[in-house]
Every structure is written in structure tokens, then in C-alpha cells.
C-alpha atoms as a PDB file:
ATOM      1  CA  MET A   1     204.395 233.483 160.915  1.00  0.00           C
ATOM      2  CA  LYS A   2     207.603 232.216 162.281  1.00  0.00           C
ATOM      3  CA  PHE A   3     207.407 229.820 165.341  1.00  0.00           C
ATOM      4  CA  SER A   4     209.904 232.132 167.251  1.00  0.00           C
ATOM      5  CA  SER A   5     207.253 234.950 166.844  1.00  0.00           C
ATOM      6  CA  TYR A   6     205.283 232.918 169.577  1.00  0.00           C
ATOM      7  CA  LEU A   7     208.361 233.019 172.167  1.00  0.00           C
ATOM      8  CA  ASN A   8     208.563 235.807 174.560  1.00  0.00           C
ATOM      9  CA  PRO A   9     211.845 235.790 176.553  1.00  0.00           C
ATOM     10  CA  ASP A  10     210.284 236.437 179.918  1.00  0.00           C
ATOM     11  CA  TYR A  11     208.390 233.016 179.460  1.00  0.00           C
ATOM     12  CA  ILE A  12     211.709 231.052 178.916  1.00  0.00           C
ATOM     13  CA  PHE A  13     213.087 229.549 182.198  1.00  0.00           C
ATOM     14  CA  PRO A  14     216.363 227.429 182.121  1.00  0.00           C
ATOM     15  CA  CYS A  15     217.480 225.194 184.741  1.00  0.00           C
ATOM     16  CA  LEU A  16     214.440 224.401 186.790  1.00  0.00           C
ATOM     17  CA  GLU A  17     214.993 221.808 189.646  1.00  0.00           C
ATOM     18  CA  VAL A  18     211.857 219.841 189.903  1.00  0.00           C
ATOM     19  CA  ASN A  19     210.684 216.344 190.942  1.00  0.00           C
ATOM     20  CA  SER A  20     207.779 215.665 188.744  1.00  0.00           C
ATOM     21  CA  LYS A  21     205.924 216.508 185.700  1.00  0.00           C
ATOM     22  CA  GLU A  22     203.099 218.132 187.933  1.00  0.00           C
ATOM     23  CA  GLU A  23     205.715 220.343 189.650  1.00  0.00           C
ATOM     24  CA  ILE A  24     207.066 221.273 186.112  1.00  0.00           C
ATOM     25  CA  ILE A  25     203.545 222.419 185.230  1.00  0.00           C
ATOM     26  CA  ARG A  26     202.853 224.184 188.686  1.00  0.00           C
ATOM     27  CA  THR A  27     206.240 226.059 188.290  1.00  0.00           C
ATOM     28  CA  ILE A  28     206.026 227.202 184.837  1.00  0.00           C
ATOM     29  CA  VAL A  29     202.340 228.242 185.020  1.00  0.00           C
ATOM     30  CA  ASP A  30     203.092 230.216 188.333  1.00  0.00           C
ATOM     31  CA  LYS A  31     206.015 231.950 186.784  1.00  0.00           C
ATOM     32  CA  VAL A  32     204.060 232.868 183.534  1.00  0.00           C
ATOM     33  CA  ALA A  33     201.230 234.129 185.908  1.00  0.00           C
ATOM     34  CA  GLU A  34     203.891 236.667 187.647  1.00  0.00           C
ATOM     35  CA  ASP A  35     203.843 238.638 184.394  1.00  0.00           C
ATOM     36  CA  ASN A  36     200.436 237.612 182.748  1.00  0.00           C
ATOM     37  CA  LYS A  37     197.092 238.939 184.320  1.00  0.00           C
ATOM     38  CA  MET A  38     195.037 236.663 182.151  1.00  0.00           C
ATOM     39  CA  VAL A  39     196.899 233.454 183.176  1.00  0.00           C
ATOM     40  CA  SER A  40     197.216 234.823 186.792  1.00  0.00           C
ATOM     41  CA  GLU A  41     193.327 235.216 186.850  1.00  0.00           C
ATOM     42  CA  GLN A  42     192.775 231.464 185.449  1.00  0.00           C
ATOM     43  CA  LYS A  43     195.927 229.901 186.859  1.00  0.00           C
ATOM     44  CA  ASN A  44     194.157 227.370 189.043  1.00  0.00           C
ATOM     45  CA  GLU A  45     191.977 226.244 186.232  1.00  0.00           C
ATOM     46  CA  ILE A  46     194.978 226.206 183.574  1.00  0.00           C
ATOM     47  CA  ILE A  47     197.035 223.950 186.007  1.00  0.00           C
ATOM     48  CA  LYS A  48     193.833 221.643 186.569  1.00  0.00           C
ATOM     49  CA  ASN A  49     193.292 221.254 182.868  1.00  0.00           C
ATOM     50  CA  ILE A  50     196.886 220.328 181.869  1.00  0.00           C
ATOM     51  CA  LEU A  51     197.208 218.073 184.784  1.00  0.00           C
ATOM     52  CA  LYS A  52     193.778 216.176 183.509  1.00  0.00           C
ATOM     53  CA  ARG A  53     195.194 216.115 180.135  1.00  0.00           C
ATOM     54  CA  GLU A  54     198.406 214.540 181.367  1.00  0.00           C
ATOM     55  CA  GLU A  55     196.358 211.706 183.334  1.00  0.00           C
ATOM     56  CA  GLU A  56     194.656 210.734 179.906  1.00  0.00           C
ATOM     57  CA  ILE A  57     197.757 210.561 177.953  1.00  0.00           C
ATOM     58  CA  SER A  58     201.734 211.545 178.423  1.00  0.00           C
ATOM     59  CA  THR A  59     202.554 214.566 176.359  1.00  0.00           C
ATOM     60  CA  CYS A  60     206.434 213.560 176.467  1.00  0.00           C
ATOM     61  CA  ILE A  61     207.074 212.906 172.797  1.00  0.00           C
ATOM     62  CA  GLY A  62     210.818 211.677 173.001  1.00  0.00           C
ATOM     63  CA  ASN A  63     214.062 213.432 172.449  1.00  0.00           C
ATOM     64  CA  GLY A  64     213.888 214.798 175.829  1.00  0.00           C
ATOM     65  CA  ILE A  65     210.837 216.920 174.940  1.00  0.00           C
ATOM     66  CA  PHE A  66     207.780 217.387 177.360  1.00  0.00           C
ATOM     67  CA  LEU A  67     204.765 218.980 175.656  1.00  0.00           C
ATOM     68  CA  PRO A  68     202.093 219.756 178.158  1.00  0.00           C
ATOM     69  CA  HIS A  69     199.246 222.032 176.867  1.00  0.00           C
ATOM     70  CA  THR A  70     195.636 223.080 177.350  1.00  0.00           C
ATOM     71  CA  ARG A  71     192.770 224.837 175.398  1.00  0.00           C
ATOM     72  CA  MET A  72     190.837 227.359 177.587  1.00  0.00           C
ATOM     73  CA  ILE A  73     187.481 228.940 176.875  1.00  0.00           C
ATOM     74  CA  ASP A  74     187.720 232.758 176.584  1.00  0.00           C
ATOM     75  CA  PHE A  75     191.398 232.877 176.637  1.00  0.00           C
ATOM     76  CA  SER A  76     192.369 235.418 174.103  1.00  0.00           C
ATOM     77  CA  ASP A  77     196.174 235.021 174.473  1.00  0.00           C
ATOM     78  CA  PHE A  78     198.416 232.204 172.944  1.00  0.00           C
ATOM     79  CA  ILE A  79     201.386 231.474 175.007  1.00  0.00           C
ATOM     80  CA  ILE A  80     204.371 229.171 174.805  1.00  0.00           C
ATOM     81  CA  ALA A  81     206.549 228.901 177.639  1.00  0.00           C
ATOM     82  CA  VAL A  82     209.871 227.114 177.239  1.00  0.00           C
ATOM     83  CA  ALA A  83     211.896 225.460 180.308  1.00  0.00           C
ATOM     84  CA  THR A  84     214.884 223.096 180.692  1.00  0.00           C
ATOM     85  CA  ILE A  85     215.262 220.654 183.581  1.00  0.00           C
ATOM     86  CA  LYS A  86     218.320 220.521 185.323  1.00  0.00           C
ATOM     87  CA  ASN A  87     217.884 217.321 187.391  1.00  0.00           C
ATOM     88  CA  LYS A  88     217.119 213.881 186.166  1.00  0.00           C
ATOM     89  CA  LEU A  89     213.453 213.175 185.762  1.00  0.00           C
ATOM     90  CA  GLU A  90     211.690 210.548 183.682  1.00  0.00           C
ATOM     91  CA  GLY A  91     208.357 210.463 181.972  1.00  0.00           C
ATOM     92  CA  GLU A  92     206.285 207.923 179.737  1.00  0.00           C
ATOM     93  CA  ILE A  93     206.275 208.658 176.163  1.00  0.00           C
ATOM     94  CA  GLY A  94     202.764 209.142 175.198  1.00  0.00           C
ATOM     95  CA  GLY A  95     201.291 206.121 173.724  1.00  0.00           C
ATOM     96  CA  THR A  96     204.098 203.750 174.190  1.00  0.00           C
ATOM     97  CA  ASN A  97     205.660 201.847 177.202  1.00  0.00           C
ATOM     98  CA  GLN A  98     208.844 203.658 176.999  1.00  0.00           C
ATOM     99  CA  THR A  99     210.237 206.225 179.177  1.00  0.00           C
ATOM    100  CA  ASP A 100     212.425 209.311 178.361  1.00  0.00           C
ATOM    101  CA  ASP A 101     214.587 211.618 180.395  1.00  0.00           C
ATOM    102  CA  ILE A 102     212.689 215.192 180.516  1.00  0.00           C
ATOM    103  CA  LYS A 103     214.964 217.993 179.771  1.00  0.00           C
ATOM    104  CA  VAL A 104     213.301 220.549 177.439  1.00  0.00           C
ATOM    105  CA  VAL A 105     209.511 221.712 178.194  1.00  0.00           C
ATOM    106  CA  PHE A 106     207.366 223.636 175.808  1.00  0.00           C
ATOM    107  CA  LEU A 107     204.259 224.334 177.998  1.00  0.00           C
ATOM    108  CA  ILE A 108     201.289 225.748 175.555  1.00  0.00           C
ATOM    109  CA  ILE A 109     198.210 227.853 176.580  1.00  0.00           C
ATOM    110  CA  SER A 110     195.743 228.582 174.001  1.00  0.00           C
ATOM    111  CA  ASP A 111     192.103 229.354 173.350  1.00  0.00           C
ATOM    112  CA  VAL A 112     189.807 226.665 172.582  1.00  0.00           C
ATOM    113  CA  LEU A 113     189.181 228.080 169.184  1.00  0.00           C
ATOM    114  CA  LYS A 114     192.731 228.519 168.409  1.00  0.00           C
ATOM    115  CA  ASN A 115     193.147 224.840 167.669  1.00  0.00           C
ATOM    116  CA  LYS A 116     195.214 225.473 164.459  1.00  0.00           C
ATOM    117  CA  ASN A 117     197.712 227.599 166.203  1.00  0.00           C
ATOM    118  CA  LEU A 118     198.193 224.859 168.920  1.00  0.00           C
ATOM    119  CA  LEU A 119     198.552 221.991 166.531  1.00  0.00           C
ATOM    120  CA  LYS A 120     200.849 223.923 164.118  1.00  0.00           C
ATOM    121  CA  ALA A 121     203.009 225.013 167.011  1.00  0.00           C
ATOM    122  CA  MET A 122     203.150 221.380 168.457  1.00  0.00           C
ATOM    123  CA  SER A 123     203.944 220.177 164.941  1.00  0.00           C
ATOM    124  CA  ALA A 124     206.860 222.893 164.654  1.00  0.00           C
ATOM    125  CA  ILE A 125     208.362 221.449 167.870  1.00  0.00           C
ATOM    126  CA  SER A 126     208.481 218.028 166.551  1.00  0.00           C
ATOM    127  CA  LYS A 127     209.939 219.325 163.454  1.00  0.00           C
ATOM    128  CA  ILE A 128     212.691 221.077 165.266  1.00  0.00           C
ATOM    129  CA  ALA A 129     213.281 217.659 167.218  1.00  0.00           C
ATOM    130  CA  LEU A 130     213.268 215.375 164.058  1.00  0.00           C
ATOM    131  CA  LYS A 131     215.132 217.573 161.468  1.00  0.00           C
ATOM    132  CA  ASN A 132     217.357 219.434 163.851  1.00  0.00           C
ATOM    133  CA  PRO A 133     218.160 217.457 167.053  1.00  0.00           C
ATOM    134  CA  GLU A 134     221.413 219.302 167.402  1.00  0.00           C
ATOM    135  CA  ILE A 135     219.265 222.375 168.443  1.00  0.00           C
ATOM    136  CA  ILE A 136     217.501 220.384 171.201  1.00  0.00           C
ATOM    137  CA  GLU A 137     220.701 219.082 172.332  1.00  0.00           C
ATOM    138  CA  LYS A 138     221.973 222.567 172.895  1.00  0.00           C
ATOM    139  CA  ILE A 139     218.788 223.924 174.497  1.00  0.00           C
ATOM    140  CA  LYS A 140     219.217 221.158 177.009  1.00  0.00           C
ATOM    141  CA  THR A 141     222.561 222.776 178.254  1.00  0.00           C
ATOM    142  CA  ALA A 142     221.870 226.451 177.817  1.00  0.00           C
ATOM    143  CA  THR A 143     221.746 228.401 180.909  1.00  0.00           C
ATOM    144  CA  HIS A 144     220.186 231.585 179.867  1.00  0.00           C
ATOM    145  CA  ALA A 145     216.808 232.548 178.378  1.00  0.00           C
ATOM    146  CA  ARG A 146     218.529 234.504 175.536  1.00  0.00           C
ATOM    147  CA  GLN A 147     220.488 231.411 174.440  1.00  0.00           C
ATOM    148  CA  ILE A 148     217.298 229.078 174.218  1.00  0.00           C
ATOM    149  CA  LEU A 149     215.664 232.129 172.136  1.00  0.00           C
ATOM    150  CA  GLU A 150     218.500 232.227 169.843  1.00  0.00           C
ATOM    151  CA  LEU A 151     218.923 228.564 169.219  1.00  0.00           C
ATOM    152  CA  LEU A 152     215.048 228.219 168.469  1.00  0.00           C
ATOM    153  CA  SER A 153     215.276 231.431 166.019  1.00  0.00           C
ATOM    154  CA  ALA A 154     218.431 230.281 164.312  1.00  0.00           C
ATOM    155  CA  ASN A 155     216.342 227.636 162.339  1.00  0.00           C
ATOM    156  CA  ASP A 156     213.044 229.018 162.384  1.00  0.00           C
ATOM    157  CA  ILE A 157     210.262 227.094 161.192  1.00  0.00           C
ATOM    158  CA  GLU A 158     207.179 228.871 159.214  1.00  0.00           C
ATOM    159  CA  ILE A 159     203.785 228.301 160.692  1.00  0.00           C
ATOM    160  CA  GLU A 160     201.117 228.210 158.160  1.00  0.00           C
ATOM    161  CA  HIS A 161     197.301 228.449 158.993  1.00  0.00           C
ATOM    162  CA  LYS A 162     196.147 225.355 157.051  1.00  0.00           C
ATOM    163  CA  ILE A 163     196.572 221.952 158.974  1.00  0.00           C
ATOM    164  CA  ILE A 164     197.811 219.565 156.499  1.00  0.00           C
ATOM    165  CA  ALA A 165     199.230 216.059 156.661  1.00  0.00           C
ATOM    166  CA  GLU A 166     202.649 216.941 157.908  1.00  0.00           C
ATOM    167  CA  ASP A 167     201.119 217.941 160.879  1.00  0.00           C
ATOM    168  CA  VAL A 168     199.266 215.181 162.073  1.00  0.00           C
ATOM    169  CA  LEU A 169     201.339 212.198 160.754  1.00  0.00           C
ATOM    170  CA  SER A 170     203.201 209.728 162.969  1.00  0.00           C
ATOM    171  CA  PRO A 171     206.877 209.491 161.634  1.00  0.00           C
ATOM    172  CA  GLU A 172     208.433 207.373 164.525  1.00  0.00           C
ATOM    173  CA  ILE A 173     206.539 204.044 163.621  1.00  0.00           C
ATOM    174  CA  LYS A 174     209.123 201.507 163.015  1.00  0.00           C
ATOM    175  CA  PRO A 175     208.716 199.983 159.499  1.00  0.00           C
ATOM    176  CA  ALA A 176     208.696 196.438 158.335  1.00  0.00           C
ATOM    177  CA  ARG A 177     211.069 194.917 156.066  1.00  0.00           C
ATOM    178  CA  GLU A 178     210.546 192.307 153.203  1.00  0.00           C
ATOM    179  CA  ASN A 179     212.775 189.825 154.915  1.00  0.00           C
ATOM    180  CA  ASP A 180     210.728 190.199 158.327  1.00  0.00           C
ATOM    181  CA  THR A 181     209.212 186.859 159.368  1.00  0.00           C
ATOM    182  CA  LEU A 182     205.479 186.275 160.240  1.00  0.00           C
ATOM    183  CA  GLU A 183     206.327 185.794 163.842  1.00  0.00           C
ATOM    184  CA  GLU A 184     208.234 189.068 164.219  1.00  0.00           C
ATOM    185  CA  ILE A 185     205.420 191.033 162.521  1.00  0.00           C
ATOM    186  CA  ALA A 186     202.908 189.260 164.634  1.00  0.00           C
ATOM    187  CA  LYS A 187     204.790 190.132 167.818  1.00  0.00           C
ATOM    188  CA  ARG A 188     205.045 193.856 166.599  1.00  0.00           C
ATOM    189  CA  LEU A 189     201.219 194.282 165.867  1.00  0.00           C
ATOM    190  CA  ILE A 190     200.530 192.832 169.401  1.00  0.00           C
ATOM    191  CA  LEU A 191     203.049 194.675 171.432  1.00  0.00           C
ATOM    192  CA  GLU A 192     202.713 198.010 169.488  1.00  0.00           C
ATOM    193  CA  GLN A 193     198.746 197.646 169.315  1.00  0.00           C
ATOM    194  CA  LYS A 194     198.921 198.281 165.580  1.00  0.00           C
ATOM    195  CA  SER A 195     196.722 196.814 162.735  1.00  0.00           C
ATOM    196  CA  ALA A 196     199.210 197.370 160.096  1.00  0.00           C
ATOM    197  CA  LEU A 197     202.744 198.300 159.271  1.00  0.00           C
ATOM    198  CA  PRO A 198     204.279 200.080 156.452  1.00  0.00           C
ATOM    199  CA  VAL A 199     206.840 197.900 154.440  1.00  0.00           C
ATOM    200  CA  LEU A 200     210.125 199.752 153.326  1.00  0.00           C
ATOM    201  CA  THR A 201     213.320 199.322 151.533  1.00  0.00           C
ATOM    202  CA  GLU A 202     216.513 200.277 153.189  1.00  0.00           C
ATOM    203  CA  GLU A 203     216.436 203.496 151.480  1.00  0.00           C
ATOM    204  CA  GLY A 204     213.199 204.246 153.082  1.00  0.00           C
ATOM    205  CA  ILE A 205     211.073 203.887 149.950  1.00  0.00           C
ATOM    206  CA  LEU A 206     207.465 202.450 150.617  1.00  0.00           C
ATOM    207  CA  LEU A 207     206.607 199.064 149.104  1.00  0.00           C
ATOM    208  CA  GLY A 208     203.350 198.290 150.735  1.00  0.00           C
ATOM    209  CA  GLU A 209     201.755 197.355 154.037  1.00  0.00           C
ATOM    210  CA  ILE A 210     201.497 194.374 156.114  1.00  0.00           C
ATOM    211  CA  THR A 211     198.089 193.936 157.996  1.00  0.00           C
ATOM    212  CA  GLU A 212     196.503 191.527 160.294  1.00  0.00           C
ATOM    213  CA  ARG A 213     194.546 190.457 157.471  1.00  0.00           C
ATOM    214  CA  GLU A 214     197.507 188.950 155.552  1.00  0.00           C
ATOM    215  CA  LEU A 215     198.838 187.108 158.800  1.00  0.00           C
ATOM    216  CA  ILE A 216     195.188 185.561 159.364  1.00  0.00           C
ATOM    217  CA  GLY A 217     194.925 184.818 155.764  1.00  0.00           C
ATOM    218  CA  PHE A 218     198.074 183.047 155.352  1.00  0.00           C
ATOM    219  CA  GLY A 219     196.997 180.526 157.894  1.00  0.00           C
ATOM    220  CA  MET A 220     193.844 179.473 156.106  1.00  0.00           C
ATOM    221  CA  PRO A 221     193.442 176.811 153.732  1.00  0.00           C
ATOM    222  CA  LYS A 222     193.533 178.207 150.245  1.00  0.00           C
ATOM    223  CA  HIS A 223     190.391 176.494 148.908  1.00  0.00           C
ATOM    224  CA  LEU A 224     188.080 178.275 151.486  1.00  0.00           C
ATOM    225  CA  SER A 225     187.874 181.340 149.391  1.00  0.00           C
ATOM    226  CA  LEU A 226     185.735 179.229 146.885  1.00  0.00           C
ATOM    227  CA  MET A 227     183.160 178.165 149.426  1.00  0.00           C
ATOM    228  CA  SER A 228     180.125 179.998 150.368  1.00  0.00           C
ATOM    229  CA  ASP A 229     179.188 178.019 153.330  1.00  0.00           C
ATOM    230  CA  LEU A 230     181.583 176.880 156.168  1.00  0.00           C
ATOM    231  CA  ASN A 231     179.250 175.472 158.721  1.00  0.00           C
ATOM    232  CA  PHE A 232     180.013 171.964 157.526  1.00  0.00           C
ATOM    233  CA  LEU A 233     183.787 172.391 157.387  1.00  0.00           C
ATOM    234  CA  THR A 234     185.877 170.394 160.054  1.00  0.00           C
ATOM    235  CA  VAL A 235     189.550 171.455 160.220  1.00  0.00           C
ATOM    236  CA  GLY A 236     192.137 169.277 162.182  1.00  0.00           C
ATOM    237  CA  GLU A 237     194.529 171.964 163.605  1.00  0.00           C
ATOM    238  CA  PRO A 238     193.401 175.367 162.717  1.00  0.00           C
ATOM    239  CA  PHE A 239     196.328 177.646 161.090  1.00  0.00           C
ATOM    240  CA  GLU A 240     198.461 174.486 160.798  1.00  0.00           C
ATOM    241  CA  GLU A 241     200.610 176.022 157.871  1.00  0.00           C
ATOM    242  CA  TYR A 242     201.054 179.266 159.888  1.00  0.00           C
ATOM    243  CA  LEU A 243     202.335 177.554 163.051  1.00  0.00           C
ATOM    244  CA  ILE A 244     204.681 175.433 161.200  1.00  0.00           C
ATOM    245  CA  ASN A 245     206.395 178.486 159.190  1.00  0.00           C
ATOM    246  CA  GLU A 246     205.869 181.319 161.378  1.00  0.00           C
ATOM    247  CA  SER A 247     209.423 181.528 162.368  1.00  0.00           C
ATOM    248  CA  THR A 248     210.889 181.037 158.886  1.00  0.00           C
ATOM    249  CA  MET A 249     208.464 182.464 156.361  1.00  0.00           C
ATOM    250  CA  THR A 250     209.027 186.024 155.492  1.00  0.00           C
ATOM    251  CA  ILE A 251     206.223 188.441 154.596  1.00  0.00           C
ATOM    252  CA  LYS A 252     207.925 189.254 151.005  1.00  0.00           C
ATOM    253  CA  ASP A 253     205.266 187.255 149.160  1.00  0.00           C
ATOM    254  CA  ILE A 254     202.173 188.129 151.113  1.00  0.00           C
ATOM    255  CA  TYR A 255     202.045 191.825 152.182  1.00  0.00           C
ATOM    256  CA  ARG A 256     199.953 194.281 150.088  1.00  0.00           C
ATOM    257  CA  LYS A 257     201.743 195.894 147.387  1.00  0.00           C
ATOM    258  CA  ASP A 258     198.899 197.636 145.617  1.00  0.00           C
ATOM    259  CA  ILE A 259     198.226 200.621 148.191  1.00  0.00           C
ATOM    260  CA  LYS A 260     198.038 203.757 145.729  1.00  0.00           C
ATOM    261  CA  HIS A 261     194.710 204.395 147.006  1.00  0.00           C
ATOM    262  CA  LEU A 262     196.350 204.930 150.533  1.00  0.00           C
ATOM    263  CA  LEU A 263     198.870 207.288 149.572  1.00  0.00           C
ATOM    264  CA  ILE A 264     198.938 211.006 149.914  1.00  0.00           C
ATOM    265  CA  ASP A 265     201.814 213.749 150.256  1.00  0.00           C
ATOM    266  CA  LYS A 266     202.722 216.002 153.072  1.00  0.00           C
ATOM    267  CA  ASP A 267     200.518 218.877 151.800  1.00  0.00           C
ATOM    268  CA  THR A 268     197.172 217.086 151.615  1.00  0.00           C
ATOM    269  CA  PRO A 269     194.486 219.170 153.694  1.00  0.00           C
ATOM    270  CA  ILE A 270     193.256 217.844 156.827  1.00  0.00           C
ATOM    271  CA  MET A 271     189.455 217.982 155.384  1.00  0.00           C
ATOM    272  CA  GLU A 272     190.519 215.850 152.530  1.00  0.00           C
ATOM    273  CA  ILE A 273     192.097 213.189 154.831  1.00  0.00           C
ATOM    274  CA  CYS A 274     188.921 213.084 156.918  1.00  0.00           C
ATOM    275  CA  PHE A 275     186.864 212.730 153.959  1.00  0.00           C
ATOM    276  CA  LYS A 276     188.840 209.647 152.715  1.00  0.00           C
ATOM    277  CA  MET A 277     188.648 208.210 156.351  1.00  0.00           C
ATOM    278  CA  VAL A 278     185.019 208.918 156.766  1.00  0.00           C
ATOM    279  CA  TYR A 279     183.539 208.751 153.417  1.00  0.00           C
ATOM    280  CA  LYS A 280     185.987 206.134 151.714  1.00  0.00           C
ATOM    281  CA  GLY A 281     186.167 203.964 154.827  1.00  0.00           C
ATOM    282  CA  MET A 282     189.984 204.237 155.093  1.00  0.00           C
ATOM    283  CA  HIS A 283     191.626 203.530 158.342  1.00  0.00           C
ATOM    284  CA  ARG A 284     194.954 204.682 157.847  1.00  0.00           C
ATOM    285  CA  LEU A 285     196.901 206.692 155.068  1.00  0.00           C
ATOM    286  CA  TYR A 286     200.643 206.848 154.033  1.00  0.00           C
ATOM    287  CA  VAL A 287     202.317 209.927 153.564  1.00  0.00           C
ATOM    288  CA  VAL A 288     205.060 209.884 151.059  1.00  0.00           C
ATOM    289  CA  ASN A 289     207.192 212.143 148.696  1.00  0.00           C
ATOM    290  CA  PRO A 290     205.275 211.803 145.460  1.00  0.00           C
ATOM    291  CA  LYS A 291     208.395 212.246 143.485  1.00  0.00           C
ATOM    292  CA  ASN A 292     210.287 209.203 144.542  1.00  0.00           C
ATOM    293  CA  ASN A 293     207.592 207.309 146.943  1.00  0.00           C
ATOM    294  CA  LYS A 294     210.017 208.002 149.848  1.00  0.00           C
ATOM    295  CA  TYR A 295     208.028 207.211 153.184  1.00  0.00           C
ATOM    296  CA  LEU A 296     207.435 210.258 155.644  1.00  0.00           C
ATOM    297  CA  GLY A 297     204.857 208.849 158.050  1.00  0.00           C
ATOM    298  CA  ILE A 298     201.383 207.312 158.675  1.00  0.00           C
ATOM    299  CA  ILE A 299     198.196 208.732 159.825  1.00  0.00           C
ATOM    300  CA  ASN A 300     195.596 206.687 161.498  1.00  0.00           C
ATOM    301  CA  ARG A 301     192.220 207.515 162.384  1.00  0.00           C
ATOM    302  CA  SER A 302     193.136 207.674 165.865  1.00  0.00           C
ATOM    303  CA  ASP A 303     195.748 210.511 165.084  1.00  0.00           C
ATOM    304  CA  ILE A 304     192.887 212.720 163.871  1.00  0.00           C
ATOM    305  CA  ILE A 305     191.165 211.907 167.313  1.00  0.00           C
ATOM    306  CA  LYS A 306     194.304 212.524 169.122  1.00  0.00           C
ATOM    307  CA  LYS A 307     195.986 215.380 167.504  1.00  0.00           C
ATOM    308  CA  VAL A 308     193.050 217.511 166.034  1.00  0.00           C
ATOM    309  CA  LEU A 309     190.030 216.675 167.906  1.00  0.00           C
ATOM    310  CA  HIS A 310     191.306 215.813 171.375  1.00  0.00           C
ATOM    311  CA  ILE A 311     194.800 217.730 171.174  1.00  0.00           C
END
């Protein structure tokens, strides 16, 4: 099924003038309710659920896109409403400390048991923004519903029913480079609240990963690995070597290079991903093109919680 098959021209609202994310949500749901009896009957509950979801974490995803959504019990329809925002309105990008100017809104109302449809639709929107950003830019300035529908139909994305790695990966994480210093990586792990970063070449080829473990390990005396009891050990300045070299030492010689067990391709089914995480103890997996090892994104356990279980 094509993404555009979910779109109804009656649920496309260009050039809204609103002053908050809550007003966006209320305005769009009110407009859909005028034409849809099921939405009209559950309008207040739909608005309440979407606002509750926004309080937990913002659904602004960057590139000017706002993706409010909810799953309703006994809601037999699946609705995607599209709107553009005329005036300037900022929103926090979910999971970051960054803000974005909201320009295009995709509001989705789904049945609680249509989780696959919801996830696939959200994935399709992310793909459009990532692979065809010029479409999003044209939608931002469109003044008629038919224009927006034609733009979204022009480079239509096929929506399959199987959830795969491509649907849940995070492509936006900035990679590390071999010439990054220990200090630079430590700051990023703290500020971005990550435990690991992919290490890439300038061409986007995955070389390995740098984690908290390598940074901590670098600062420990090498002979400690040979000792079974450290209770008697006295150390002058803990992590002396790290503190002296953090601003000049690069990660080139310490990052993990043997991570084949953490690699999957973009078509890996969601249950295989979850199996690796639950029964193989893997905290993250790297999605690559198996032909050339080109990096596509990372999947953390938190992505499964956020994008599948608590979408």
C-alpha cells in the first residue's frame, strides 16, 4: 500500500494560523471531526490522548515536521491529517535540547491494534524528509490541499506490513571520527546522553564504535587486568593518564573495531532485533548496507520502547 492511499484531501489544511502545539492539535482534530463521525464522537478523548503523549516527549522530528499521534481503543479507522503552519511557531525536537520551527504537521489517529500501520506511516514520513527534503520544502509553501496531496503522491513510498530495522533506526545521531579526541567524545556522551557512538569514515563506512568502557579503560593502569583482588591497591591520582592526554589523544587506537555481532541490515525483522537485545544481551545494533558496510543508523533498546511499545 502506498503512503498517499492513507491521505484524504478533506483532511489537508494549508496555512493554519496558530500560536501553540496544543492549538495545532485542537484545530486539526476539530476540523477532521466536522467530516468524520467517529472522530466527532471521541474528539475530546483524542485531543486529551495526543496532548498527554506530547507532555511525555515532543513529537517534533526536525526539518520543520511535527508528528502528533494517538492510539485509540475501538477506533476502526486510520486517519492521517496534514497541515501547514503559516506563522512562526517553535517546538522542541523530541529527545534533544534543540528547537525547530514547526511548518508541516502530520496528525495520526489509529486504533491501538493498528500499531504496525502507525509505525509504518511515521517511518514513511521520516523517509520523505530524509530522502526527499525538497518535497517537504515545497509543502511548507503550498497554499492548497491538492498541491500538498500531489507533492506527497509524486514520490510515493510503499508501506509494507512487516516492521523492519529501517522503521525504527535513528539515522540522525552524529557519528564519531577516528581523529576525535577523548575529551570530545566524553563531552558528546554526556551532552547527548549516549553510551556509545558509531565511528565512521568520511565516506560513511562503519569502522566500529566508541563506548564509555573504552574511555574508562584508557584511564586505568594496564596491569590491573592481571589482578584478581584490588582491595589493597592504592593509586595516587585516579585516571592520571586520561586526564593528561584527554585533549590530545584520539580514539583511533582504542575504539572497538570487532563489532560484526552488532551489525544488521535494514530489512531485519523487528522480532529478530528484539531477540538479539533480550536473549543475546545486546544494548544496541548498527544498521548497515551489507554490500559496502555503509552506515544507515543505530537501534538502541530505548528505540524499541519509544517507537514500538510506547509509540
